[in-house]
Protein backbone atom coordinates (compact mmCIF):
# COMPACT_ATOMS: atom_id res chain seq x y z
CA UNK A 1 0.00 0.00 0.00
CA UNK A 2 1.50 3.38 -0.99
CA UNK A 3 2.38 5.93 1.65
CA UNK A 4 1.14 9.53 1.32
CA UNK A 5 3.15 12.28 3.00
CA UNK A 6 2.42 15.97 2.43
CA UNK A 7 0.62 15.19 -0.81
CA UNK A 8 3.42 13.01 -2.22
CA UNK A 9 3.03 9.27 -2.82
CA UNK A 10 5.82 6.83 -1.97
CA UNK A 11 6.19 3.11 -2.64
CA UNK A 12 8.25 0.56 -0.74
CA UNK A 13 10.66 -1.66 -2.68
CA UNK A 14 8.31 -4.61 -3.11
CA UNK A 15 5.47 -2.34 -4.27
CA UNK A 16 7.69 -0.48 -6.74
CA UNK A 17 8.98 -3.79 -8.11
CA UNK A 18 5.47 -5.23 -8.46
CA UNK A 19 4.23 -2.14 -10.32
CA UNK A 20 7.24 -2.31 -12.67
CA UNK A 21 6.81 -6.04 -13.24
CA UNK A 22 10.16 -7.16 -11.80
CA UNK A 23 11.12 -9.03 -8.67
CA UNK A 24 12.20 -7.27 -5.52
CA UNK A 25 15.65 -8.87 -5.80
CA UNK A 26 16.01 -7.60 -9.38
CA UNK A 27 15.14 -4.06 -8.31
CA UNK A 28 17.62 -4.19 -5.43
CA UNK A 29 20.31 -5.57 -7.77
CA UNK A 30 19.65 -2.67 -10.18
CA UNK A 31 19.96 -0.19 -7.30
CA UNK A 32 23.22 -1.75 -6.05
CA UNK A 33 24.74 -1.82 -9.55
CA UNK A 34 23.71 1.77 -10.30
CA UNK A 35 21.23 0.97 -13.08
CA UNK A 36 18.51 2.59 -10.96
CA UNK A 37 19.34 5.51 -8.68
CA UNK A 38 18.91 4.69 -5.00
CA UNK A 39 16.30 6.72 -3.20
CA UNK A 40 17.37 8.98 -0.34
CA UNK A 41 14.05 8.46 1.43
CA UNK A 42 13.55 5.73 4.02
CA UNK A 43 10.78 4.96 6.46
CA UNK A 44 11.32 4.45 10.20
CA UNK A 45 12.41 0.86 9.59
CA UNK A 46 15.01 1.92 7.03
CA UNK A 47 13.01 0.61 4.07
CA UNK A 48 13.41 2.48 0.80
CA UNK A 49 10.60 4.78 -0.33
CA UNK A 50 10.41 5.33 -4.10
CA UNK A 51 8.57 8.31 -5.59
CA UNK A 52 6.10 7.92 -8.43
CA UNK A 53 8.75 9.31 -10.82
CA UNK A 54 11.26 6.72 -9.62
CA UNK A 55 8.71 3.95 -10.22
CA UNK A 56 8.21 5.25 -13.77
CA UNK A 57 11.98 5.05 -14.34
CA UNK A 58 12.01 1.48 -13.01
CA UNK A 59 9.21 0.58 -15.44
CA UNK A 60 11.21 2.06 -18.33
CA UNK A 61 14.27 0.02 -17.35
CA UNK A 62 12.13 -3.12 -17.02
CA UNK A 63 10.75 -2.66 -20.53
CA UNK A 64 14.15 -2.37 -22.24
CA UNK A 65 15.11 -5.06 -24.70
CA UNK A 66 18.75 -6.11 -24.78
CA UNK A 67 20.60 -8.31 -27.20
CA UNK A 68 22.13 -11.45 -25.77
CA UNK A 69 25.46 -13.04 -26.54
CA UNK A 70 25.60 -16.61 -27.80
CA UNK A 71 25.69 -17.94 -24.23
CA UNK A 72 22.16 -16.64 -23.70
CA UNK A 73 23.10 -13.83 -21.29
CA UNK A 74 21.99 -10.27 -22.00
CA UNK A 75 24.79 -7.83 -22.59
CA UNK A 76 24.23 -4.18 -21.71
CA UNK A 77 24.47 -2.26 -24.94
CA UNK A 78 24.62 1.54 -25.01
CA UNK A 79 21.79 2.72 -27.20
PDB file of N, CA and C in Angstrom:
ATOM      1  N   UNK A   1       0.840  -1.162   0.000  1.00  0.00           N
ATOM      2  CA  UNK A   1       0.000   0.000   0.000  1.00  0.00           C
ATOM      3  C   UNK A   1       0.899   1.244   0.000  1.00  0.00           C
ATOM      4  N   UNK A   2       0.670   2.165  -0.930  1.00  0.00           N
ATOM      5  CA  UNK A   2       1.501   3.375  -0.992  1.00  0.00           C
ATOM      6  C   UNK A   2       1.342   4.234   0.263  1.00  0.00           C
ATOM      7  N   UNK A   3       2.371   5.024   0.510  1.00  0.00           N
ATOM      8  CA  UNK A   3       2.376   5.928   1.648  1.00  0.00           C
ATOM      9  C   UNK A   3       2.215   7.351   1.113  1.00  0.00           C
ATOM     10  N   UNK A   4       1.334   8.135   1.729  1.00  0.00           N
ATOM     11  CA  UNK A   4       1.140   9.533   1.324  1.00  0.00           C
ATOM     12  C   UNK A   4       1.666  10.429   2.433  1.00  0.00           C
ATOM     13  N   UNK A   5       2.582  11.330   2.054  1.00  0.00           N
ATOM     14  CA  UNK A   5       3.154  12.282   3.000  1.00  0.00           C
ATOM     15  C   UNK A   5       3.154  13.651   2.337  1.00  0.00           C
ATOM     16  N   UNK A   6       2.487  14.601   2.950  1.00  0.00           N
ATOM     17  CA  UNK A   6       2.423  15.973   2.428  1.00  0.00           C
ATOM     18  C   UNK A   6       2.046  16.020   0.948  1.00  0.00           C
ATOM     19  N   UNK A   7       1.101  15.199   0.563  1.00  0.00           N
ATOM     20  CA  UNK A   7       0.619  15.193  -0.813  1.00  0.00           C
ATOM     21  C   UNK A   7       1.443  14.379  -1.784  1.00  0.00           C
ATOM     22  N   UNK A   8       2.574  13.841  -1.353  1.00  0.00           N
ATOM     23  CA  UNK A   8       3.422  13.010  -2.222  1.00  0.00           C
ATOM     24  C   UNK A   8       3.159  11.536  -1.925  1.00  0.00           C
ATOM     25  N   UNK A   9       3.252  10.711  -2.959  1.00  0.00           N
ATOM     26  CA  UNK A   9       3.032   9.272  -2.821  1.00  0.00           C
ATOM     27  C   UNK A   9       4.365   8.549  -2.913  1.00  0.00           C
ATOM     28  N   UNK A  10       4.592   7.623  -1.994  1.00  0.00           N
ATOM     29  CA  UNK A  10       5.824   6.835  -1.966  1.00  0.00           C
ATOM     30  C   UNK A  10       5.480   5.348  -1.972  1.00  0.00           C
ATOM     31  N   UNK A  11       6.379   4.556  -2.556  1.00  0.00           N
ATOM     32  CA  UNK A  11       6.186   3.105  -2.638  1.00  0.00           C
ATOM     33  C   UNK A  11       7.403   2.409  -2.040  1.00  0.00           C
ATOM     34  N   UNK A  12       7.156   1.370  -1.257  1.00  0.00           N
ATOM     35  CA  UNK A  12       8.252   0.564  -0.739  1.00  0.00           C
ATOM     36  C   UNK A  12       8.804  -0.301  -1.868  1.00  0.00           C
ATOM     37  N   UNK A  13       9.946  -0.903  -1.642  1.00  0.00           N
ATOM     38  CA  UNK A  13      10.663  -1.655  -2.678  1.00  0.00           C
ATOM     39  C   UNK A  13       9.784  -2.714  -3.330  1.00  0.00           C
ATOM     40  N   UNK A  14       9.125  -3.531  -2.551  1.00  0.00           N
ATOM     41  CA  UNK A  14       8.306  -4.610  -3.111  1.00  0.00           C
ATOM     42  C   UNK A  14       7.166  -4.055  -3.955  1.00  0.00           C
ATOM     43  N   UNK A  15       6.564  -2.951  -3.512  1.00  0.00           N
ATOM     44  CA  UNK A  15       5.471  -2.335  -4.273  1.00  0.00           C
ATOM     45  C   UNK A  15       5.979  -1.761  -5.585  1.00  0.00           C
ATOM     46  N   UNK A  16       7.109  -1.060  -5.526  1.00  0.00           N
ATOM     47  CA  UNK A  16       7.688  -0.479  -6.743  1.00  0.00           C
ATOM     48  C   UNK A  16       8.041  -1.582  -7.740  1.00  0.00           C
ATOM     49  N   UNK A  17       8.618  -2.672  -7.241  1.00  0.00           N
ATOM     50  CA  UNK A  17       8.983  -3.792  -8.106  1.00  0.00           C
ATOM     51  C   UNK A  17       7.740  -4.421  -8.736  1.00  0.00           C
ATOM     52  N   UNK A  18       6.698  -4.626  -7.950  1.00  0.00           N
ATOM     53  CA  UNK A  18       5.467  -5.229  -8.465  1.00  0.00           C
ATOM     54  C   UNK A  18       4.858  -4.363  -9.557  1.00  0.00           C
ATOM     55  N   UNK A  19       4.796  -3.057  -9.333  1.00  0.00           N
ATOM     56  CA  UNK A  19       4.229  -2.143 -10.325  1.00  0.00           C
ATOM     57  C   UNK A  19       5.037  -2.189 -11.624  1.00  0.00           C
ATOM     58  N   UNK A  20       6.357  -2.281 -11.492  1.00  0.00           N
ATOM     59  CA  UNK A  20       7.237  -2.305 -12.667  1.00  0.00           C
ATOM     60  C   UNK A  20       7.293  -3.675 -13.342  1.00  0.00           C
ATOM     61  N   UNK A  21       6.819  -4.701 -12.658  1.00  0.00           N
ATOM     62  CA  UNK A  21       6.812  -6.040 -13.242  1.00  0.00           C
ATOM     63  C   UNK A  21       8.134  -6.777 -13.112  1.00  0.00           C
ATOM     64  N   UNK A  22       8.903  -6.446 -12.061  1.00  0.00           N
ATOM     65  CA  UNK A  22      10.160  -7.157 -11.799  1.00  0.00           C
ATOM     66  C   UNK A  22      10.129  -7.663 -10.359  1.00  0.00           C
ATOM     67  N   UNK A  23      11.064  -8.532 -10.046  1.00  0.00           N
ATOM     68  CA  UNK A  23      11.116  -9.033  -8.674  1.00  0.00           C
ATOM     69  C   UNK A  23      11.804  -8.012  -7.771  1.00  0.00           C
ATOM     70  N   UNK A  24      11.567  -8.146  -6.507  1.00  0.00           N
ATOM     71  CA  UNK A  24      12.203  -7.274  -5.519  1.00  0.00           C
ATOM     72  C   UNK A  24      13.718  -7.421  -5.601  1.00  0.00           C
ATOM     73  N   UNK A  25      14.199  -8.652  -5.736  1.00  0.00           N
ATOM     74  CA  UNK A  25      15.646  -8.870  -5.798  1.00  0.00           C
ATOM     75  C   UNK A  25      16.256  -8.236  -7.050  1.00  0.00           C
ATOM     76  N   UNK A  26      15.521  -8.260  -8.167  1.00  0.00           N
ATOM     77  CA  UNK A  26      16.013  -7.599  -9.383  1.00  0.00           C
ATOM     78  C   UNK A  26      16.117  -6.099  -9.159  1.00  0.00           C
ATOM     79  N   UNK A  27      15.106  -5.499  -8.567  1.00  0.00           N
ATOM     80  CA  UNK A  27      15.140  -4.064  -8.309  1.00  0.00           C
ATOM     81  C   UNK A  27      16.305  -3.713  -7.391  1.00  0.00           C
ATOM     82  N   UNK A  28      16.506  -4.472  -6.335  1.00  0.00           N
ATOM     83  CA  UNK A  28      17.616  -4.195  -5.429  1.00  0.00           C
ATOM     84  C   UNK A  28      18.963  -4.379  -6.130  1.00  0.00           C
ATOM     85  N   UNK A  29      19.073  -5.367  -6.996  1.00  0.00           N
ATOM     86  CA  UNK A  29      20.309  -5.568  -7.771  1.00  0.00           C
ATOM     87  C   UNK A  29      20.564  -4.374  -8.678  1.00  0.00           C
ATOM     88  N   UNK A  30      19.514  -3.848  -9.321  1.00  0.00           N
ATOM     89  CA  UNK A  30      19.650  -2.673 -10.179  1.00  0.00           C
ATOM     90  C   UNK A  30      20.097  -1.464  -9.363  1.00  0.00           C
ATOM     91  N   UNK A  31      19.570  -1.312  -8.156  1.00  0.00           N
ATOM     92  CA  UNK A  31      19.965  -0.193  -7.299  1.00  0.00           C
ATOM     93  C   UNK A  31      21.438  -0.333  -6.919  1.00  0.00           C
ATOM     94  N   UNK A  32      21.841  -1.532  -6.493  1.00  0.00           N
ATOM     95  CA  UNK A  32      23.220  -1.745  -6.054  1.00  0.00           C
ATOM     96  C   UNK A  32      24.223  -1.608  -7.192  1.00  0.00           C
ATOM     97  N   UNK A  33      23.814  -1.925  -8.416  1.00  0.00           N
ATOM     98  CA  UNK A  33      24.736  -1.822  -9.553  1.00  0.00           C
ATOM     99  C   UNK A  33      24.682  -0.455 -10.227  1.00  0.00           C
ATOM    100  N   UNK A  34      23.789   0.424  -9.764  1.00  0.00           N
ATOM    101  CA  UNK A  34      23.713   1.772 -10.300  1.00  0.00           C
ATOM    102  C   UNK A  34      22.828   1.928 -11.524  1.00  0.00           C
ATOM    103  N   UNK A  35      22.140   0.876 -11.932  1.00  0.00           N
ATOM    104  CA  UNK A  35      21.228   0.966 -13.075  1.00  0.00           C
ATOM    105  C   UNK A  35      20.052   1.873 -12.722  1.00  0.00           C
ATOM    106  N   UNK A  36      19.568   1.736 -11.500  1.00  0.00           N
ATOM    107  CA  UNK A  36      18.508   2.585 -10.962  1.00  0.00           C
ATOM    108  C   UNK A  36      19.105   3.375  -9.799  1.00  0.00           C
ATOM    109  N   UNK A  37      18.822   4.667  -9.762  1.00  0.00           N
ATOM    110  CA  UNK A  37      19.337   5.506  -8.683  1.00  0.00           C
ATOM    111  C   UNK A  37      18.656   5.149  -7.361  1.00  0.00           C
ATOM    112  N   UNK A  38      19.467   4.994  -6.321  1.00  0.00           N
ATOM    113  CA  UNK A  38      18.907   4.692  -5.000  1.00  0.00           C
ATOM    114  C   UNK A  38      18.132   5.903  -4.495  1.00  0.00           C
ATOM    115  N   UNK A  39      17.118   5.644  -3.744  1.00  0.00           N
ATOM    116  CA  UNK A  39      16.295   6.718  -3.195  1.00  0.00           C
ATOM    117  C   UNK A  39      16.870   7.194  -1.866  1.00  0.00           C
ATOM    118  N   UNK A  40      16.872   8.489  -1.621  1.00  0.00           N
ATOM    119  CA  UNK A  40      17.373   8.981  -0.341  1.00  0.00           C
ATOM    120  C   UNK A  40      16.343   8.862   0.781  1.00  0.00           C
ATOM    121  N   UNK A  41      15.126   8.513   0.433  1.00  0.00           N
ATOM    122  CA  UNK A  41      14.051   8.464   1.428  1.00  0.00           C
ATOM    123  C   UNK A  41      13.898   7.054   2.000  1.00  0.00           C
ATOM    124  N   UNK A  42      13.768   7.000   3.316  1.00  0.00           N
ATOM    125  CA  UNK A  42      13.547   5.731   4.021  1.00  0.00           C
ATOM    126  C   UNK A  42      12.465   5.938   5.064  1.00  0.00           C
ATOM    127  N   UNK A  43      11.749   4.851   5.375  1.00  0.00           N
ATOM    128  CA  UNK A  43      10.778   4.955   6.461  1.00  0.00           C
ATOM    129  C   UNK A  43      11.481   4.693   7.792  1.00  0.00           C
ATOM    130  N   UNK A  44      10.729   4.626   8.862  1.00  0.00           N
ATOM    131  CA  UNK A  44      11.325   4.453  10.198  1.00  0.00           C
ATOM    132  C   UNK A  44      12.077   3.144  10.347  1.00  0.00           C
ATOM    133  N   UNK A  45      11.732   2.163   9.535  1.00  0.00           N
ATOM    134  CA  UNK A  45      12.414   0.861   9.590  1.00  0.00           C
ATOM    135  C   UNK A  45      13.640   0.817   8.699  1.00  0.00           C
ATOM    136  N   UNK A  46      13.868   1.895   7.943  1.00  0.00           N
ATOM    137  CA  UNK A  46      15.005   1.918   7.033  1.00  0.00           C
ATOM    138  C   UNK A  46      14.677   1.393   5.641  1.00  0.00           C
ATOM    139  N   UNK A  47      13.408   1.110   5.381  1.00  0.00           N
ATOM    140  CA  UNK A  47      13.008   0.608   4.070  1.00  0.00           C
ATOM    141  C   UNK A  47      12.970   1.749   3.068  1.00  0.00           C
ATOM    142  N   UNK A  48      13.410   1.470   1.852  1.00  0.00           N
ATOM    143  CA  UNK A  48      13.412   2.480   0.796  1.00  0.00           C
ATOM    144  C   UNK A  48      11.994   2.929   0.458  1.00  0.00           C
ATOM    145  N   UNK A  49      11.868   4.215   0.130  1.00  0.00           N
ATOM    146  CA  UNK A  49      10.599   4.777  -0.326  1.00  0.00           C
ATOM    147  C   UNK A  49      10.840   5.424  -1.683  1.00  0.00           C
ATOM    148  N   UNK A  50      10.253   4.846  -2.733  1.00  0.00           N
ATOM    149  CA  UNK A  50      10.409   5.334  -4.096  1.00  0.00           C
ATOM    150  C   UNK A  50       9.264   6.278  -4.451  1.00  0.00           C
ATOM    151  N   UNK A  51       9.595   7.374  -5.117  1.00  0.00           N
ATOM    152  CA  UNK A  51       8.568   8.308  -5.586  1.00  0.00           C
ATOM    153  C   UNK A  51       7.875   7.725  -6.814  1.00  0.00           C
ATOM    154  N   UNK A  52       6.787   8.353  -7.221  1.00  0.00           N
ATOM    155  CA  UNK A  52       6.097   7.921  -8.433  1.00  0.00           C
ATOM    156  C   UNK A  52       7.007   8.061  -9.651  1.00  0.00           C
ATOM    157  N   UNK A  53       7.810   9.132  -9.702  1.00  0.00           N
ATOM    158  CA  UNK A  53       8.746   9.311 -10.815  1.00  0.00           C
ATOM    159  C   UNK A  53       9.789   8.198 -10.849  1.00  0.00           C
ATOM    160  N   UNK A  54      10.281   7.805  -9.679  1.00  0.00           N
ATOM    161  CA  UNK A  54      11.256   6.718  -9.616  1.00  0.00           C
ATOM    162  C   UNK A  54      10.645   5.413 -10.110  1.00  0.00           C
ATOM    163  N   UNK A  55       9.386   5.167  -9.759  1.00  0.00           N
ATOM    164  CA  UNK A  55       8.710   3.947 -10.216  1.00  0.00           C
ATOM    165  C   UNK A  55       8.567   3.969 -11.735  1.00  0.00           C
ATOM    166  N   UNK A  56       8.286   5.129 -12.308  1.00  0.00           N
ATOM    167  CA  UNK A  56       8.207   5.245 -13.772  1.00  0.00           C
ATOM    168  C   UNK A  56       9.543   4.899 -14.414  1.00  0.00           C
ATOM    169  N   UNK A  57      10.646   5.360 -13.812  1.00  0.00           N
ATOM    170  CA  UNK A  57      11.979   5.045 -14.340  1.00  0.00           C
ATOM    171  C   UNK A  57      12.272   3.553 -14.244  1.00  0.00           C
ATOM    172  N   UNK A  58      11.825   2.931 -13.175  1.00  0.00           N
ATOM    173  CA  UNK A  58      12.010   1.484 -13.010  1.00  0.00           C
ATOM    174  C   UNK A  58      11.236   0.746 -14.103  1.00  0.00           C
ATOM    175  N   UNK A  59      10.013   1.207 -14.384  1.00  0.00           N
ATOM    176  CA  UNK A  59       9.205   0.580 -15.438  1.00  0.00           C
ATOM    177  C   UNK A  59       9.888   0.711 -16.800  1.00  0.00           C
ATOM    178  N   UNK A  60      10.488   1.863 -17.060  1.00  0.00           N
ATOM    179  CA  UNK A  60      11.205   2.065 -18.328  1.00  0.00           C
ATOM    180  C   UNK A  60      12.369   1.081 -18.427  1.00  0.00           C
ATOM    181  N   UNK A  61      13.137   0.951 -17.349  1.00  0.00           N
ATOM    182  CA  UNK A  61      14.267   0.017 -17.348  1.00  0.00           C
ATOM    183  C   UNK A  61      13.776  -1.418 -17.546  1.00  0.00           C
ATOM    184  N   UNK A  62      12.664  -1.757 -16.912  1.00  0.00           N
ATOM    185  CA  UNK A  62      12.125  -3.118 -17.016  1.00  0.00           C
ATOM    186  C   UNK A  62      11.640  -3.435 -18.428  1.00  0.00           C
ATOM    187  N   UNK A  63      11.283  -2.414 -19.187  1.00  0.00           N
ATOM    188  CA  UNK A  63      10.746  -2.658 -20.533  1.00  0.00           C
ATOM    189  C   UNK A  63      11.815  -2.641 -21.617  1.00  0.00           C
ATOM    190  N   UNK A  64      13.073  -2.385 -21.244  1.00  0.00           N
ATOM    191  CA  UNK A  64      14.146  -2.369 -22.239  1.00  0.00           C
ATOM    192  C   UNK A  64      14.402  -3.761 -22.790  1.00  0.00           C
ATOM    193  N   UNK A  65      14.754  -3.805 -24.045  1.00  0.00           N
ATOM    194  CA  UNK A  65      15.105  -5.063 -24.700  1.00  0.00           C
ATOM    195  C   UNK A  65      16.597  -5.019 -25.002  1.00  0.00           C
ATOM    196  N   UNK A  66      17.305  -6.040 -24.572  1.00  0.00           N
ATOM    197  CA  UNK A  66      18.748  -6.106 -24.775  1.00  0.00           C
ATOM    198  C   UNK A  66      19.087  -7.320 -25.612  1.00  0.00           C
ATOM    199  N   UNK A  67      20.134  -7.180 -26.404  1.00  0.00           N
ATOM    200  CA  UNK A  67      20.603  -8.310 -27.199  1.00  0.00           C
ATOM    201  C   UNK A  67      21.435  -9.215 -26.316  1.00  0.00           C
ATOM    202  N   UNK A  68      21.356 -10.509 -26.572  1.00  0.00           N
ATOM    203  CA  UNK A  68      22.127 -11.450 -25.771  1.00  0.00           C
ATOM    204  C   UNK A  68      23.303 -11.970 -26.587  1.00  0.00           C
ATOM    205  N   UNK A  69      24.331 -12.412 -25.853  1.00  0.00           N
ATOM    206  CA  UNK A  69      25.459 -13.040 -26.538  1.00  0.00           C
ATOM    207  C   UNK A  69      25.080 -14.490 -26.838  1.00  0.00           C
ATOM    208  N   UNK A  70      25.949 -15.236 -27.420  1.00  0.00           N
ATOM    209  CA  UNK A  70      25.603 -16.614 -27.798  1.00  0.00           C
ATOM    210  C   UNK A  70      25.397 -17.537 -26.607  1.00  0.00           C
ATOM    211  N   UNK A  71      25.879 -17.128 -25.437  1.00  0.00           N
ATOM    212  CA  UNK A  71      25.686 -17.936 -24.234  1.00  0.00           C
ATOM    213  C   UNK A  71      24.321 -17.739 -23.610  1.00  0.00           C
ATOM    214  N   UNK A  72      23.506 -16.847 -24.199  1.00  0.00           N
ATOM    215  CA  UNK A  72      22.157 -16.642 -23.699  1.00  0.00           C
ATOM    216  C   UNK A  72      22.035 -15.546 -22.660  1.00  0.00           C
ATOM    217  N   UNK A  73      23.148 -14.914 -22.293  1.00  0.00           N
ATOM    218  CA  UNK A  73      23.096 -13.831 -21.292  1.00  0.00           C
ATOM    219  C   UNK A  73      22.968 -12.498 -22.004  1.00  0.00           C
ATOM    220  N   UNK A  74      22.167 -11.619 -21.431  1.00  0.00           N
ATOM    221  CA  UNK A  74      21.994 -10.274 -22.001  1.00  0.00           C
ATOM    222  C   UNK A  74      23.265  -9.464 -21.746  1.00  0.00           C
ATOM    223  N   UNK A  75      23.651  -8.735 -22.743  1.00  0.00           N
ATOM    224  CA  UNK A  75      24.794  -7.829 -22.594  1.00  0.00           C
ATOM    225  C   UNK A  75      24.267  -6.410 -22.652  1.00  0.00           C
ATOM    226  N   UNK A  76      24.715  -5.572 -21.745  1.00  0.00           N
ATOM    227  CA  UNK A  76      24.230  -4.181 -21.707  1.00  0.00           C
ATOM    228  C   UNK A  76      24.863  -3.420 -22.859  1.00  0.00           C
ATOM    229  N   UNK A  77      24.031  -3.003 -23.767  1.00  0.00           N
ATOM    230  CA  UNK A  77      24.473  -2.258 -24.937  1.00  0.00           C
ATOM    231  C   UNK A  77      24.098  -0.797 -24.779  1.00  0.00           C
ATOM    232  N   UNK A  78      25.031   0.126 -25.015  1.00  0.00           N
ATOM    233  CA  UNK A  78      24.625   1.537 -25.012  1.00  0.00           C
ATOM    234  C   UNK A  78      23.785   1.816 -26.249  1.00  0.00           C
ATOM    235  N   UNK A  79      22.684   2.470 -26.069  1.00  0.00           N
ATOM    236  CA  UNK A  79      21.787   2.724 -27.200  1.00  0.00           C
ATOM    237  C   UNK A  79      22.072   4.039 -27.761  1.00  0.00           C
TER     238      UNK A  79
END
